[in-house]
Protein backbone atom coordinates (compact mmCIF):
# COMPACT_ATOMS: atom_id res chain seq x y z
CA UNK A 1 1.32 34.63 138.43
CA UNK A 2 3.23 36.51 141.16
CA UNK A 3 4.77 33.31 142.50
CA UNK A 4 8.01 33.35 144.50
CA UNK A 5 11.08 33.26 142.29
CA UNK A 6 12.44 29.73 141.97
CA UNK A 7 16.07 29.17 142.88
CA UNK A 8 18.47 26.23 143.21
CA UNK A 9 18.88 23.13 141.08
CA UNK A 10 16.17 22.44 138.50
CA UNK A 11 17.39 19.56 136.33
CA UNK A 12 16.19 18.86 132.80
CA UNK A 13 14.46 15.49 132.62
CA UNK A 14 15.14 13.33 129.57
CA UNK A 15 12.23 11.84 127.67
CA UNK A 16 12.29 8.08 128.21
CA UNK A 17 11.71 5.65 125.34
CA UNK A 18 11.30 1.90 125.00
CA UNK A 19 13.76 0.05 122.79
CA UNK A 20 11.29 0.38 119.89
CA UNK A 21 11.25 4.16 120.28
CA UNK A 22 7.81 4.44 121.85
CA UNK A 23 7.26 6.54 124.95
CA UNK A 24 8.07 4.73 128.20
CA UNK A 25 5.79 6.54 130.62
CA UNK A 26 6.66 4.21 133.50
CA UNK A 27 10.29 5.14 132.94
CA UNK A 28 9.23 8.81 132.88
CA UNK A 29 7.53 8.35 136.25
CA UNK A 30 10.59 6.66 137.74
CA UNK A 31 12.79 9.47 136.44
CA UNK A 32 10.47 12.05 137.98
CA UNK A 33 10.63 10.24 141.33
CA UNK A 34 14.41 10.11 141.19
CA UNK A 35 14.73 13.81 140.40
CA UNK A 36 12.33 14.77 143.18
CA UNK A 37 14.03 12.54 145.74
CA UNK A 38 17.35 14.08 144.70
CA UNK A 39 15.94 17.21 146.41
CA UNK A 40 15.60 19.07 143.13
CA UNK A 41 14.04 22.51 143.39
CA UNK A 42 12.10 21.95 140.18
CA UNK A 43 12.03 19.73 137.08
CA UNK A 44 12.20 20.97 133.48
CA UNK A 45 10.63 18.83 130.76
CA UNK A 46 10.48 18.94 126.96
CA UNK A 47 13.73 20.87 126.61
CA UNK A 48 16.20 20.27 123.78
CA UNK A 49 18.07 17.93 126.14
CA UNK A 50 14.72 16.10 126.45
CA UNK A 51 14.66 15.47 122.69
CA UNK A 52 11.59 17.68 122.37
CA UNK A 53 12.33 17.98 118.65
CA UNK A 54 11.55 14.27 118.19
CA UNK A 55 8.08 14.32 119.81
CA UNK A 56 4.70 14.84 118.24
CA UNK A 57 2.01 16.95 119.93
CA UNK A 58 0.21 14.00 121.53
CA UNK A 59 3.48 12.76 122.98
CA UNK A 60 4.23 16.21 124.41
CA UNK A 61 0.89 16.16 126.22
CA UNK A 62 1.56 12.65 127.52
CA UNK A 63 4.95 13.70 128.96
CA UNK A 64 3.44 16.81 130.57
CA UNK A 65 0.54 14.92 132.12
CA UNK A 66 2.68 12.03 133.30
CA UNK A 67 5.21 14.34 134.93
CA UNK A 68 2.59 16.60 136.51
CA UNK A 69 0.66 13.65 137.92
CA UNK A 70 3.80 12.03 139.31
CA UNK A 71 5.17 15.26 140.73
CA UNK A 72 1.78 15.86 142.35
CA UNK A 73 2.82 19.19 143.81
CA UNK A 74 6.05 17.86 145.31
CA UNK A 75 8.17 20.14 143.16
CA UNK A 76 7.55 22.80 140.49
CA UNK A 77 7.46 21.64 136.87
CA UNK A 78 8.84 23.81 134.09
CA UNK A 79 7.59 23.08 130.57
CA UNK A 80 9.57 24.07 127.48
CA UNK A 81 7.25 25.51 124.83
CA UNK A 82 9.62 26.74 122.13
CA UNK A 83 8.44 26.90 118.53
CA UNK A 84 9.25 29.13 115.54
CA UNK A 85 5.59 30.04 115.12
CA UNK A 86 4.22 32.52 117.66
CA UNK A 87 0.78 30.94 117.19
CA UNK A 88 1.97 27.42 118.03
CA UNK A 89 4.21 28.64 120.85
CA UNK A 90 1.22 30.42 122.38
CA UNK A 91 -0.89 27.25 122.15
CA UNK A 92 1.90 25.34 123.92
CA UNK A 93 2.13 27.99 126.65
CA UNK A 94 -1.61 27.83 127.26
CA UNK A 95 -1.46 24.02 127.42
CA UNK A 96 1.35 24.15 129.99
CA UNK A 97 -0.47 26.78 132.02
CA UNK A 98 -3.75 24.86 131.98
CA UNK A 99 -2.00 21.66 133.09
CA UNK A 100 -0.41 23.27 136.12
CA UNK A 101 3.15 24.14 135.10
CA UNK A 102 4.94 26.64 137.32
CA UNK A 103 6.60 28.43 134.40
CA UNK A 104 7.50 27.92 130.77
CA UNK A 105 10.89 28.09 129.08
CA UNK A 106 11.26 29.32 125.49
CA UNK A 107 13.98 30.15 123.02
CA UNK A 108 13.78 33.11 120.69
CA UNK A 109 12.41 31.96 117.30
CA UNK A 110 14.88 30.50 114.81
CA UNK A 111 14.98 27.69 112.30
CA UNK A 112 18.09 26.01 111.00
CA UNK A 113 21.38 27.78 110.50
CA UNK A 114 20.16 30.83 108.58
CA UNK A 115 16.53 31.60 109.48
CA UNK A 116 17.01 34.08 112.30
CA UNK A 117 14.83 36.92 113.53
CA UNK A 118 15.73 40.56 114.17
CA UNK A 119 15.39 42.09 117.63
CA UNK A 120 12.21 44.04 116.93
CA UNK A 121 10.49 40.90 115.68
CA UNK A 122 11.70 38.88 118.69
CA UNK A 123 10.12 41.47 120.98
CA UNK A 124 6.85 41.34 119.03
CA UNK A 125 6.98 37.52 119.09
CA UNK A 126 7.05 37.35 122.89
CA UNK A 127 4.39 40.07 123.18
CA UNK A 128 2.07 38.04 120.94
CA UNK A 129 2.76 34.76 122.71
CA UNK A 130 2.20 36.15 126.21
CA UNK A 131 -0.66 38.59 125.66
CA UNK A 132 -3.15 37.80 128.43
CA UNK A 133 -1.08 34.88 129.74
CA UNK A 134 -0.53 34.46 133.48
CA UNK A 135 2.31 31.94 133.68
CA UNK A 136 5.89 33.18 134.13
CA UNK A 137 8.45 33.02 131.31
CA UNK A 138 12.09 31.90 131.21
CA UNK A 139 13.94 32.82 128.02
CA UNK A 140 16.63 30.30 127.10
CA UNK A 141 19.74 31.91 125.66
CA UNK A 142 21.51 28.90 124.19
CA UNK A 143 24.08 28.33 121.43
CA UNK A 144 21.63 26.15 119.49
CA UNK A 145 19.74 29.28 118.43
CA UNK A 146 20.92 31.40 115.51
CA UNK A 147 18.80 34.32 116.76
CA UNK A 148 20.92 36.32 119.21
CA UNK A 149 19.32 37.58 122.42
CA UNK A 150 21.29 40.62 123.50
CA UNK A 151 21.28 42.19 126.93
CA UNK A 152 19.55 45.23 125.46
CA UNK A 153 16.84 43.05 123.91
CA UNK A 154 16.22 41.19 127.17
CA UNK A 155 15.90 44.56 128.90
CA UNK A 156 13.31 45.64 126.32
CA UNK A 157 11.36 42.42 126.65
CA UNK A 158 11.34 42.69 130.46
CA UNK A 159 9.61 46.08 130.20
CA UNK A 160 7.00 45.01 127.64
CA UNK A 161 6.42 41.37 128.62
CA UNK A 162 5.93 41.39 132.41
CA UNK A 163 5.78 37.59 132.50
CA UNK A 164 9.55 37.49 131.85
CA UNK A 165 11.03 36.62 135.24
CA UNK A 166 13.85 34.24 134.27
CA UNK A 167 16.69 33.93 131.78
CA UNK A 168 18.75 30.77 131.32
CA UNK A 169 22.16 31.77 129.96
CA UNK A 170 24.19 29.03 128.28
CA UNK A 171 26.23 30.81 125.64
CA UNK A 172 30.02 31.16 125.64
CA UNK A 173 31.33 33.62 128.25
CA UNK A 174 28.09 33.17 130.15
CA UNK A 175 29.45 34.77 133.32
CA UNK A 176 30.18 38.00 131.44
CA UNK A 177 26.63 38.12 130.12
CA UNK A 178 25.21 37.41 133.58
CA UNK A 179 27.13 40.39 135.00
CA UNK A 180 26.12 42.65 132.11
CA UNK A 181 22.48 41.62 132.46
CA UNK A 182 22.42 42.31 136.19
CA UNK A 183 23.78 45.81 135.57
CA UNK A 184 21.30 46.47 132.75
CA UNK A 185 18.06 45.10 134.19
CA UNK A 186 18.60 45.16 137.94
CA UNK A 187 15.77 43.34 139.67
CA UNK A 188 13.37 43.36 136.71
CA UNK A 189 14.59 39.86 135.74
CA UNK A 190 15.37 38.27 139.12
CA UNK A 191 15.69 34.64 138.03
CA UNK A 192 19.04 34.24 136.27
CA UNK A 193 20.02 30.60 135.71
CA UNK A 194 22.87 28.72 134.09
CA UNK A 195 22.82 25.34 132.30
CA UNK A 196 25.09 23.52 129.81
CA UNK A 197 25.65 20.43 131.99
CA UNK A 198 26.93 22.81 134.73
CA UNK A 199 30.28 23.11 132.95
CA UNK A 200 30.49 26.81 133.97
CA UNK A 201 28.41 26.55 137.14
CA UNK A 202 30.84 27.93 139.72
CA UNK A 203 31.82 30.86 137.50
CA UNK A 204 28.18 31.70 136.81
CA UNK A 205 27.33 31.53 140.52
CA UNK A 206 30.16 33.97 141.18
CA UNK A 207 28.69 36.22 138.48
CA UNK A 208 25.26 36.21 140.12
CA UNK A 209 23.01 33.38 138.90
CA UNK A 210 20.61 31.98 141.47
CA UNK A 211 20.42 28.44 140.17
CA UNK A 212 21.23 25.84 137.56
CA UNK A 213 19.03 24.12 135.02
CA UNK A 214 21.51 21.56 133.79
CA UNK A 215 20.97 17.90 132.99
CA UNK A 216 19.45 15.22 135.21
CA UNK A 217 22.76 13.37 135.61
CA UNK A 218 23.89 14.96 138.88
CA UNK A 219 20.89 16.73 140.43
CA UNK A 220 21.63 15.83 144.05
CA UNK A 221 25.31 16.63 143.82
CA UNK A 222 24.88 19.90 141.91
CA UNK A 223 22.22 21.06 144.32
CA UNK A 224 24.83 20.74 147.07
CA UNK A 225 27.09 23.05 145.05
CA UNK A 226 24.36 25.65 144.54
CA UNK A 227 23.19 25.42 148.15
CA UNK A 228 26.68 25.72 149.61
CA UNK A 229 27.47 28.71 147.43
CA UNK A 230 24.21 30.42 148.36
CA UNK A 231 25.01 29.92 152.04
CA UNK A 232 28.36 31.65 151.60
CA UNK A 233 30.43 28.44 151.70
CA UNK A 234 32.15 29.28 148.43
CA UNK A 235 35.23 27.10 148.84
CA UNK A 236 33.10 24.08 149.73
CA UNK A 237 30.97 24.70 146.63
CA UNK A 238 34.03 25.02 144.41
CA UNK A 239 35.63 21.84 145.76
CA UNK A 240 32.45 19.81 145.19
CA UNK A 241 32.05 21.21 141.67
CA UNK A 242 35.65 20.38 140.86
CA UNK A 243 35.10 16.83 142.16
CA UNK A 244 32.25 16.46 139.67
CA UNK A 245 34.08 18.06 136.73
CA UNK A 246 35.35 14.82 135.10
CA UNK A 247 31.75 13.63 134.74
CA UNK A 248 30.49 17.05 133.71
CA UNK A 249 33.15 17.46 131.04
CA UNK A 250 32.64 13.97 129.64
CA UNK A 251 28.93 14.64 129.36
CA UNK A 252 29.44 18.06 127.83
CA UNK A 253 32.09 17.06 125.29
CA UNK A 254 31.36 13.40 124.46
CA UNK A 255 27.87 12.13 125.26
CA UNK A 256 25.59 15.16 125.47
CA UNK A 257 21.96 14.20 125.99
CA UNK A 258 22.89 10.49 125.96
CA UNK A 259 24.68 10.78 129.32
CA UNK A 260 21.74 11.00 131.71
CA UNK A 261 19.98 8.08 130.03
CA UNK A 262 23.13 5.95 130.26
CA UNK A 263 23.29 6.65 134.01
CA UNK A 264 19.56 6.12 134.57
CA UNK A 265 19.72 2.73 132.86
CA UNK A 266 22.91 1.68 134.66
CA UNK A 267 21.30 2.68 137.95
CA UNK A 268 18.19 0.60 137.25
CA UNK A 269 15.84 3.60 137.10
CA UNK A 270 14.84 3.05 133.46
CA UNK A 271 14.91 -0.05 131.27
CA UNK A 272 16.29 1.51 128.08
CA UNK A 273 18.55 4.44 127.23
CA UNK A 274 17.14 4.52 123.70
CA UNK A 275 17.18 7.75 121.68
CA UNK A 276 15.19 8.28 118.51
CA UNK A 277 16.86 8.03 115.12
CA UNK A 278 18.67 9.88 113.60
CA UNK A 279 20.26 10.20 117.04
CA UNK A 280 22.34 7.12 117.76
CA UNK A 281 23.20 5.29 121.00
CA UNK A 282 26.41 5.89 122.90
CA UNK A 283 29.40 4.00 121.55
CA UNK A 284 30.47 1.08 123.73
CA UNK A 285 33.84 2.68 124.46
CA UNK A 286 32.27 5.98 125.51
CA UNK A 287 29.67 4.27 127.66
CA UNK A 288 32.34 2.28 129.51
CA UNK A 289 34.63 5.28 129.96
CA UNK A 290 31.79 7.46 131.21
CA UNK A 291 30.51 4.87 133.67
CA UNK A 292 34.03 4.29 134.99
CA UNK A 293 34.33 8.04 135.54
CA UNK A 294 30.92 8.13 137.20
CA UNK A 295 31.74 5.29 139.59
CA UNK A 296 34.73 7.24 140.87
CA UNK A 297 32.37 10.13 141.64
CA UNK A 298 29.71 7.77 143.09
CA UNK A 299 26.61 9.85 142.20
CA UNK A 300 23.20 9.16 143.69
CA UNK A 301 21.80 8.26 140.25
CA UNK A 302 23.75 4.96 140.32
CA UNK A 303 22.57 4.08 143.85
CA UNK A 304 19.05 5.46 144.17
CA UNK A 305 17.06 2.53 142.78
CA UNK A 306 18.81 0.02 145.00
CA UNK A 307 17.69 1.91 148.12
CA UNK A 308 14.05 2.08 147.11
């Protein structure tokens, strides 16, 4: 699509449910408003953190349409379109493109703990999915996948799938992989991002990423980190990141995808922090500990609704 490369903080939006597990599209709209007014540089939907694995196809469309309509051009929207099947992944990419997404994010195909794909087949997979497609691609390199995505493979894909403009690197030793990728591919993949609740953000910025696609818990605060670092104020960025670390670590190690919903509900942005079974709600003790930690940080997510 030859669009400018996106940079900065692009949080992953959770999918909001009512207490009975049905989609809460009003809650989705409120979450979109919050993320935009947190000065986010983009919003990612339908990621693993968004519980995409618990949604049917009609619900996916509803979340895309609701987010696109609410965003209304105020910020780019990134749609996750991962699927093991190249045919279904391609259909999802076309749907996202037709509905106005700025780019799509995908993982290499895998299923379960043992069904992985070799490098030649991964390359063919992305060639099939993106043949004739205009929208840009971000490949998500995350520990959830059992299909490894090596630096050499990403280099190969970048030469044969021109839509590949972004990689989100979330694996262990992410900073090392960022540095290796920059050496290997140069400017052919300009959009290197980090994620994982921003637990390695400052180290990945030092390695060369241009943004973060972490959770929606601290979008305003983490954008300040990314912006300060990009402006050369590295010590300011590090100090702000370290101030946020107790929340980041609690989210990363204890609550995972429950954390943002707990904060959104506590802040009055959504009515329910429900997740779909077999996921289970946060334990009372964890919720209280996390919120106590959050109040010491005083993030915008706990104050935003009261200022509206």
